[in-house]
Amino acid sequence: MLTPPFDQSAQDPGYIKGYPPGVRENGGQYTHAAVWIVMALAKLGSGDEAAELFHMLNPINHTRTPADVDHYKAEPYVMAGDVCANPGYAGRGGWTWYTGSAGWMYRAGIESILGLRRHGTTFEVDPCIPASWPEYEIIWRFNRTSYEITVSNPHRRCRGIADAQLDGTPVDHQAIPIVDAAATHHLRVILRDEPYPAKQL
């Protein structure tokens, strides 16, 4: 996160200097911050870049071959709180099972990329996906209710909603009512054909 890492300096930056150079925030990959970049890219409308970084952070992609497993030295099914940049340990995962970055990664995937967000008694579907995705589906269960959500991207855009229909009736994609009943609802969302204007942070 901080490069170059703190090693020997007259000023004391605090606990960060307690980590060896290239470990955690002191010059390594601090996964919380890396996931926040995914979320920021999605907020800006950069779906291709957001998904690319999401895949880079996904632990399964660090362990695809026996050589990768030997190099990464962490589990492929949990997030690593950090990845070392120290020359002797570069690429090694650390702080697995003990990191808030797992929850942030989940939110980045579900909320920022796939665009599913709950707001009290309503929810929205406002994705920011790779332009190459033609369509995706989500089955979301809320208590006794199941929402089968299909998002179509016929014009290969990253974001921007053209139409949303719940059970065949037009609906505001940012305020879809949550009905807690033993039923299945079908939500169809279509992305727009014009480019969505990029946001500024």
C-alpha atoms as a PDB file:
ATOM      1  CA  MET A   1       0.000   0.000   0.000  1.00  0.00           C
ATOM      2  CA  LEU A   2       2.764   2.455   0.888  1.00  0.00           C
ATOM      3  CA  THR A   3       5.623   2.483  -1.593  1.00  0.00           C
ATOM      4  CA  PRO A   4       8.474   2.749  -1.020  1.00  0.00           C
ATOM      5  CA  PRO A   5       8.065   0.982   2.319  1.00  0.00           C
ATOM      6  CA  PHE A   6       9.186   2.542   5.564  1.00  0.00           C
ATOM      7  CA  ASP A   7      12.448   0.993   6.707  1.00  0.00           C
ATOM      8  CA  GLN A   8      14.908   3.434   8.158  1.00  0.00           C
ATOM      9  CA  SER A   9      13.750   7.001   8.574  1.00  0.00           C
ATOM     10  CA  ALA A  10      14.152   9.793  11.061  1.00  0.00           C
ATOM     11  CA  GLN A  11      10.381  10.181  11.361  1.00  0.00           C
ATOM     12  CA  ASP A  12       8.242   7.477  12.985  1.00  0.00           C
ATOM     13  CA  PRO A  13       5.074   6.795  10.929  1.00  0.00           C
ATOM     14  CA  GLY A  14       3.637   4.559  13.651  1.00  0.00           C
ATOM     15  CA  TYR A  15       2.750   0.866  13.640  1.00  0.00           C
ATOM     16  CA  ILE A  16       3.259   0.493   9.873  1.00  0.00           C
ATOM     17  CA  LYS A  17       7.017   0.710  10.310  1.00  0.00           C
ATOM     18  CA  GLY A  18       6.751  -2.310  12.616  1.00  0.00           C
ATOM     19  CA  TYR A  19       6.091  -4.524   9.584  1.00  0.00           C
ATOM     20  CA  PRO A  20       9.135  -5.527   7.528  1.00  0.00           C
ATOM     21  CA  PRO A  21       9.424  -3.716   4.179  1.00  0.00           C
ATOM     22  CA  GLY A  22       7.061  -5.284   1.633  1.00  0.00           C
ATOM     23  CA  VAL A  23       4.691  -6.751   4.242  1.00  0.00           C
ATOM     24  CA  ARG A  24       1.054  -5.625   4.654  1.00  0.00           C
ATOM     25  CA  GLU A  25       0.549  -1.846   4.490  1.00  0.00           C
ATOM     26  CA  ASN A  26       4.306  -1.294   4.510  1.00  0.00           C
ATOM     27  CA  GLY A  27       4.808  -1.775   0.779  1.00  0.00           C
ATOM     28  CA  GLY A  28       2.788  -4.975   0.294  1.00  0.00           C
ATOM     29  CA  GLN A  29      -0.694  -5.580  -1.091  1.00  0.00           C
ATOM     30  CA  TYR A  30      -3.122  -4.488   1.598  1.00  0.00           C
ATOM     31  CA  THR A  31      -6.228  -6.269   0.343  1.00  0.00           C
ATOM     32  CA  HIS A  32      -8.828  -3.992   1.948  1.00  0.00           C
ATOM     33  CA  ALA A  33      -7.537  -1.042  -0.071  1.00  0.00           C
ATOM     34  CA  ALA A  34      -7.202  -3.118  -3.242  1.00  0.00           C
ATOM     35  CA  VAL A  35     -10.869  -4.165  -3.001  1.00  0.00           C
ATOM     36  CA  TRP A  36     -11.895  -0.560  -2.410  1.00  0.00           C
ATOM     37  CA  ILE A  37     -10.260   0.242  -5.753  1.00  0.00           C
ATOM     38  CA  VAL A  38     -12.547  -2.356  -7.399  1.00  0.00           C
ATOM     39  CA  MET A  39     -15.537  -0.598  -5.854  1.00  0.00           C
ATOM     40  CA  ALA A  40     -14.287   2.832  -6.938  1.00  0.00           C
ATOM     41  CA  LEU A  41     -13.734   1.651 -10.520  1.00  0.00           C
ATOM     42  CA  ALA A  42     -17.290   0.307 -10.639  1.00  0.00           C
ATOM     43  CA  LYS A  43     -18.634   3.591  -9.234  1.00  0.00           C
ATOM     44  CA  LEU A  44     -16.794   5.412 -12.019  1.00  0.00           C
ATOM     45  CA  GLY A  45     -18.360   3.110 -14.629  1.00  0.00           C
ATOM     46  CA  SER A  46     -15.167   1.224 -15.506  1.00  0.00           C
ATOM     47  CA  GLY A  47     -16.638  -2.273 -15.539  1.00  0.00           C
ATOM     48  CA  ASP A  48     -13.829  -3.886 -17.505  1.00  0.00           C
ATOM     49  CA  GLU A  49     -11.156  -2.605 -15.130  1.00  0.00           C
ATOM     50  CA  ALA A  50     -13.229  -3.391 -12.021  1.00  0.00           C
ATOM     51  CA  ALA A  51     -13.725  -7.005 -13.107  1.00  0.00           C
ATOM     52  CA  GLU A  52     -10.075  -7.383 -14.114  1.00  0.00           C
ATOM     53  CA  LEU A  53      -8.874  -6.269 -10.682  1.00  0.00           C
ATOM     54  CA  PHE A  54     -11.542  -8.416  -8.991  1.00  0.00           C
ATOM     55  CA  HIS A  55     -10.155 -11.469 -10.801  1.00  0.00           C
ATOM     56  CA  MET A  56      -6.594 -10.500  -9.877  1.00  0.00           C
ATOM     57  CA  LEU A  57      -7.575 -10.414  -6.190  1.00  0.00           C
ATOM     58  CA  ASN A  58      -9.604 -13.634  -6.285  1.00  0.00           C
ATOM     59  CA  PRO A  59      -7.533 -16.219  -4.364  1.00  0.00           C
ATOM     60  CA  ILE A  60      -8.511 -19.038  -6.716  1.00  0.00           C
ATOM     61  CA  ASN A  61      -6.571 -17.268  -9.465  1.00  0.00           C
ATOM     62  CA  HIS A  62      -3.408 -17.387  -7.336  1.00  0.00           C
ATOM     63  CA  THR A  63      -3.582 -21.183  -7.058  1.00  0.00           C
ATOM     64  CA  ARG A  64      -4.361 -22.543 -10.523  1.00  0.00           C
ATOM     65  CA  THR A  65      -1.257 -24.708 -10.860  1.00  0.00           C
ATOM     66  CA  PRO A  66       0.930 -26.635  -8.391  1.00  0.00           C
ATOM     67  CA  ALA A  67       3.648 -24.014  -8.935  1.00  0.00           C
ATOM     68  CA  ASP A  68       1.152 -21.227  -8.126  1.00  0.00           C
ATOM     69  CA  VAL A  69       0.115 -23.024  -4.929  1.00  0.00           C
ATOM     70  CA  ASP A  70       3.732 -23.421  -3.857  1.00  0.00           C
ATOM     71  CA  HIS A  71       4.365 -19.738  -4.538  1.00  0.00           C
ATOM     72  CA  TYR A  72       1.195 -18.293  -2.936  1.00  0.00           C
ATOM     73  CA  LYS A  73       1.261 -20.603   0.118  1.00  0.00           C
ATOM     74  CA  ALA A  74      -2.267 -19.674   1.212  1.00  0.00           C
ATOM     75  CA  GLU A  75      -5.687 -21.244   0.859  1.00  0.00           C
ATOM     76  CA  PRO A  76      -7.450 -20.770  -2.506  1.00  0.00           C
ATOM     77  CA  TYR A  77     -10.888 -20.478  -0.910  1.00  0.00           C
ATOM     78  CA  VAL A  78     -10.407 -17.526   1.472  1.00  0.00           C
ATOM     79  CA  MET A  79      -9.184 -13.981   1.003  1.00  0.00           C
ATOM     80  CA  ALA A  80      -5.684 -13.055   2.100  1.00  0.00           C
ATOM     81  CA  GLY A  81      -5.479  -9.877   4.153  1.00  0.00           C
ATOM     82  CA  ASP A  82      -2.203  -9.110   2.422  1.00  0.00           C
ATOM     83  CA  VAL A  83       0.151 -10.360  -0.270  1.00  0.00           C
ATOM     84  CA  CYS A  84       3.866  -9.814   0.314  1.00  0.00           C
ATOM     85  CA  ALA A  85       6.016  -7.688  -1.949  1.00  0.00           C
ATOM     86  CA  ASN A  86       9.195  -8.375   0.023  1.00  0.00           C
ATOM     87  CA  PRO A  87      11.717  -9.807  -2.499  1.00  0.00           C
ATOM     88  CA  GLY A  88      12.199 -12.986  -0.479  1.00  0.00           C
ATOM     89  CA  TYR A  89       8.449 -13.639  -0.198  1.00  0.00           C
ATOM     90  CA  ALA A  90       6.882 -11.725  -3.100  1.00  0.00           C
ATOM     91  CA  GLY A  91       3.463 -13.106  -4.005  1.00  0.00           C
ATOM     92  CA  ARG A  92       2.909 -14.992  -0.737  1.00  0.00           C
ATOM     93  CA  GLY A  93      -0.541 -14.599   0.813  1.00  0.00           C
ATOM     94  CA  GLY A  94      -0.959 -13.828   4.498  1.00  0.00           C
ATOM     95  CA  TRP A  95      -3.548 -13.195   7.201  1.00  0.00           C
ATOM     96  CA  THR A  96      -6.139 -15.594   5.774  1.00  0.00           C
ATOM     97  CA  TRP A  97      -9.246 -16.353   7.863  1.00  0.00           C
ATOM     98  CA  TYR A  98      -8.615 -13.135   9.783  1.00  0.00           C
ATOM     99  CA  THR A  99      -9.400 -10.298   7.431  1.00  0.00           C
ATOM    100  CA  GLY A 100     -12.270  -7.941   6.794  1.00  0.00           C
ATOM    101  CA  SER A 101     -11.269  -7.902   3.126  1.00  0.00           C
ATOM    102  CA  ALA A 102     -13.391 -11.050   2.622  1.00  0.00           C
ATOM    103  CA  GLY A 103     -16.568  -9.116   3.392  1.00  0.00           C
ATOM    104  CA  TRP A 104     -15.459  -6.208   1.216  1.00  0.00           C
ATOM    105  CA  MET A 105     -14.698  -8.606  -1.663  1.00  0.00           C
ATOM    106  CA  TYR A 106     -18.181 -10.107  -1.344  1.00  0.00           C
ATOM    107  CA  ARG A 107     -19.747  -6.644  -1.439  1.00  0.00           C
ATOM    108  CA  ALA A 108     -17.571  -5.599  -4.390  1.00  0.00           C
ATOM    109  CA  GLY A 109     -18.795  -8.582  -6.398  1.00  0.00           C
ATOM    110  CA  ILE A 110     -22.483  -8.515  -5.448  1.00  0.00           C
ATOM    111  CA  GLU A 111     -23.099  -4.796  -4.994  1.00  0.00           C
ATOM    112  CA  SER A 112     -20.520  -2.977  -7.122  1.00  0.00           C
ATOM    113  CA  ILE A 113     -20.158  -5.295 -10.128  1.00  0.00           C
ATOM    114  CA  LEU A 114     -23.455  -7.239 -10.262  1.00  0.00           C
ATOM    115  CA  GLY A 115     -25.262  -4.196  -8.869  1.00  0.00           C
ATOM    116  CA  LEU A 116     -27.630  -5.889  -6.392  1.00  0.00           C
ATOM    117  CA  ARG A 117     -28.157  -3.649  -3.346  1.00  0.00           C
ATOM    118  CA  ARG A 118     -30.844  -3.767  -0.681  1.00  0.00           C
ATOM    119  CA  HIS A 119     -32.280  -0.539   0.779  1.00  0.00           C
ATOM    120  CA  GLY A 120     -34.696  -1.384   3.598  1.00  0.00           C
ATOM    121  CA  THR A 121     -37.972  -2.461   1.966  1.00  0.00           C
ATOM    122  CA  THR A 122     -36.652  -2.048  -1.590  1.00  0.00           C
ATOM    123  CA  PHE A 123     -33.677  -3.176  -3.626  1.00  0.00           C
ATOM    124  CA  GLU A 124     -31.944  -2.008  -6.761  1.00  0.00           C
ATOM    125  CA  VAL A 125     -30.110  -3.611  -9.653  1.00  0.00           C
ATOM    126  CA  ASP A 126     -27.611  -1.165 -11.150  1.00  0.00           C
ATOM    127  CA  PRO A 127     -24.568  -3.124 -12.340  1.00  0.00           C
ATOM    128  CA  CYS A 128     -21.181  -2.157 -13.679  1.00  0.00           C
ATOM    129  CA  ILE A 129     -19.983  -5.212 -15.590  1.00  0.00           C
ATOM    130  CA  PRO A 130     -17.424  -6.001 -18.289  1.00  0.00           C
ATOM    131  CA  ALA A 131     -18.746  -4.889 -21.678  1.00  0.00           C
ATOM    132  CA  SER A 132     -18.097  -8.404 -23.014  1.00  0.00           C
ATOM    133  CA  TRP A 133     -20.773  -9.973 -20.781  1.00  0.00           C
ATOM    134  CA  PRO A 134     -23.919 -10.595 -22.868  1.00  0.00           C
ATOM    135  CA  GLU A 135     -26.077 -11.527 -19.867  1.00  0.00           C
ATOM    136  CA  TYR A 136     -26.009 -12.806 -16.307  1.00  0.00           C
ATOM    137  CA  GLU A 137     -28.501 -14.177 -13.823  1.00  0.00           C
ATOM    138  CA  ILE A 138     -28.925 -13.950 -10.066  1.00  0.00           C
ATOM    139  CA  ILE A 139     -31.300 -15.931  -7.889  1.00  0.00           C
ATOM    140  CA  TRP A 140     -31.789 -13.885  -4.725  1.00  0.00           C
ATOM    141  CA  ARG A 141     -33.786 -15.278  -1.835  1.00  0.00           C
ATOM    142  CA  PHE A 142     -35.268 -12.977   0.768  1.00  0.00           C
ATOM    143  CA  ASN A 143     -36.966 -14.973   3.529  1.00  0.00           C
ATOM    144  CA  ARG A 144     -39.756 -16.841   1.686  1.00  0.00           C
ATOM    145  CA  THR A 145     -39.469 -14.886  -1.559  1.00  0.00           C
ATOM    146  CA  SER A 146     -37.228 -15.725  -4.484  1.00  0.00           C
ATOM    147  CA  TYR A 147     -36.207 -13.166  -7.102  1.00  0.00           C
ATOM    148  CA  GLU A 148     -34.948 -14.566 -10.389  1.00  0.00           C
ATOM    149  CA  ILE A 149     -33.011 -11.681 -11.915  1.00  0.00           C
ATOM    150  CA  THR A 150     -31.787 -11.573 -15.509  1.00  0.00           C
ATOM    151  CA  VAL A 151     -29.604  -8.696 -16.699  1.00  0.00           C
ATOM    152  CA  SER A 152     -29.196  -8.486 -20.489  1.00  0.00           C
ATOM    153  CA  ASN A 153     -26.457  -6.500 -22.184  1.00  0.00           C
ATOM    154  CA  PRO A 154     -27.349  -6.572 -25.906  1.00  0.00           C
ATOM    155  CA  HIS A 155     -25.223  -3.530 -26.787  1.00  0.00           C
ATOM    156  CA  ARG A 156     -22.146  -4.604 -24.784  1.00  0.00           C
ATOM    157  CA  ARG A 157     -22.021  -1.687 -22.363  1.00  0.00           C
ATOM    158  CA  CYS A 158     -20.580  -1.622 -18.855  1.00  0.00           C
ATOM    159  CA  ARG A 159     -23.504   0.133 -17.189  1.00  0.00           C
ATOM    160  CA  GLY A 160     -26.676   2.168 -17.557  1.00  0.00           C
ATOM    161  CA  ILE A 161     -30.234   0.822 -17.343  1.00  0.00           C
ATOM    162  CA  ALA A 162     -32.614   1.084 -20.309  1.00  0.00           C
ATOM    163  CA  ASP A 163     -35.501  -0.934 -18.887  1.00  0.00           C
ATOM    164  CA  ALA A 164     -36.496  -2.936 -15.815  1.00  0.00           C
ATOM    165  CA  GLN A 165     -39.610  -5.086 -15.462  1.00  0.00           C
ATOM    166  CA  LEU A 166     -40.798  -7.029 -12.439  1.00  0.00           C
ATOM    167  CA  ASP A 167     -43.134  -9.853 -13.430  1.00  0.00           C
ATOM    168  CA  GLY A 168     -43.739  -8.083 -16.751  1.00  0.00           C
ATOM    169  CA  THR A 169     -44.541  -4.672 -15.232  1.00  0.00           C
ATOM    170  CA  PRO A 170     -42.169  -1.684 -15.586  1.00  0.00           C
ATOM    171  CA  VAL A 171     -40.426  -0.828 -12.340  1.00  0.00           C
ATOM    172  CA  ASP A 172     -37.895   1.718 -11.091  1.00  0.00           C
ATOM    173  CA  HIS A 173     -34.641  -0.253 -11.055  1.00  0.00           C
ATOM    174  CA  GLN A 174     -33.457   1.748  -8.028  1.00  0.00           C
ATOM    175  CA  ALA A 175     -36.548   1.062  -5.879  1.00  0.00           C
ATOM    176  CA  ILE A 176     -37.829  -2.452  -6.554  1.00  0.00           C
ATOM    177  CA  PRO A 177     -40.267  -3.469  -3.801  1.00  0.00           C
ATOM    178  CA  ILE A 178     -39.344  -6.401  -1.581  1.00  0.00           C
ATOM    179  CA  VAL A 179     -42.399  -8.566  -0.968  1.00  0.00           C
ATOM    180  CA  ASP A 180     -41.974 -11.200   1.734  1.00  0.00           C
ATOM    181  CA  ALA A 181     -44.318 -13.912   0.505  1.00  0.00           C
ATOM    182  CA  ALA A 182     -43.860 -17.504  -0.538  1.00  0.00           C
ATOM    183  CA  ALA A 183     -43.535 -16.634  -4.219  1.00  0.00           C
ATOM    184  CA  THR A 184     -41.051 -16.350  -7.063  1.00  0.00           C
ATOM    185  CA  HIS A 185     -40.702 -13.039  -8.886  1.00  0.00           C
ATOM    186  CA  HIS A 186     -38.974 -12.467 -12.212  1.00  0.00           C
ATOM    187  CA  LEU A 187     -36.972  -9.290 -12.747  1.00  0.00           C
ATOM    188  CA  ARG A 188     -35.686  -8.481 -16.224  1.00  0.00           C
ATOM    189  CA  VAL A 189     -33.153  -5.654 -16.606  1.00  0.00           C
ATOM    190  CA  ILE A 190     -31.751  -4.437 -19.940  1.00  0.00           C
ATOM    191  CA  LEU A 191     -28.690  -2.226 -20.208  1.00  0.00           C
ATOM    192  CA  ARG A 192     -28.934   0.827 -22.450  1.00  0.00           C
ATOM    193  CA  ASP A 193     -27.444   1.177 -25.922  1.00  0.00           C
ATOM    194  CA  GLU A 194     -25.691   4.549 -25.479  1.00  0.00           C
ATOM    195  CA  PRO A 195     -22.446   4.812 -23.532  1.00  0.00           C
ATOM    196  CA  TYR A 196     -23.032   5.737 -19.911  1.00  0.00           C
ATOM    197  CA  PRO A 197     -21.260   8.979 -18.973  1.00  0.00           C
ATOM    198  CA  ALA A 198     -18.251   8.370 -16.744  1.00  0.00           C
ATOM    199  CA  LYS A 199     -18.542   9.648 -13.199  1.00  0.00           C
ATOM    200  CA  GLN A 200     -15.993  11.765 -11.435  1.00  0.00           C
ATOM    201  CA  LEU A 201     -15.042  11.000  -7.846  1.00  0.00           C
END
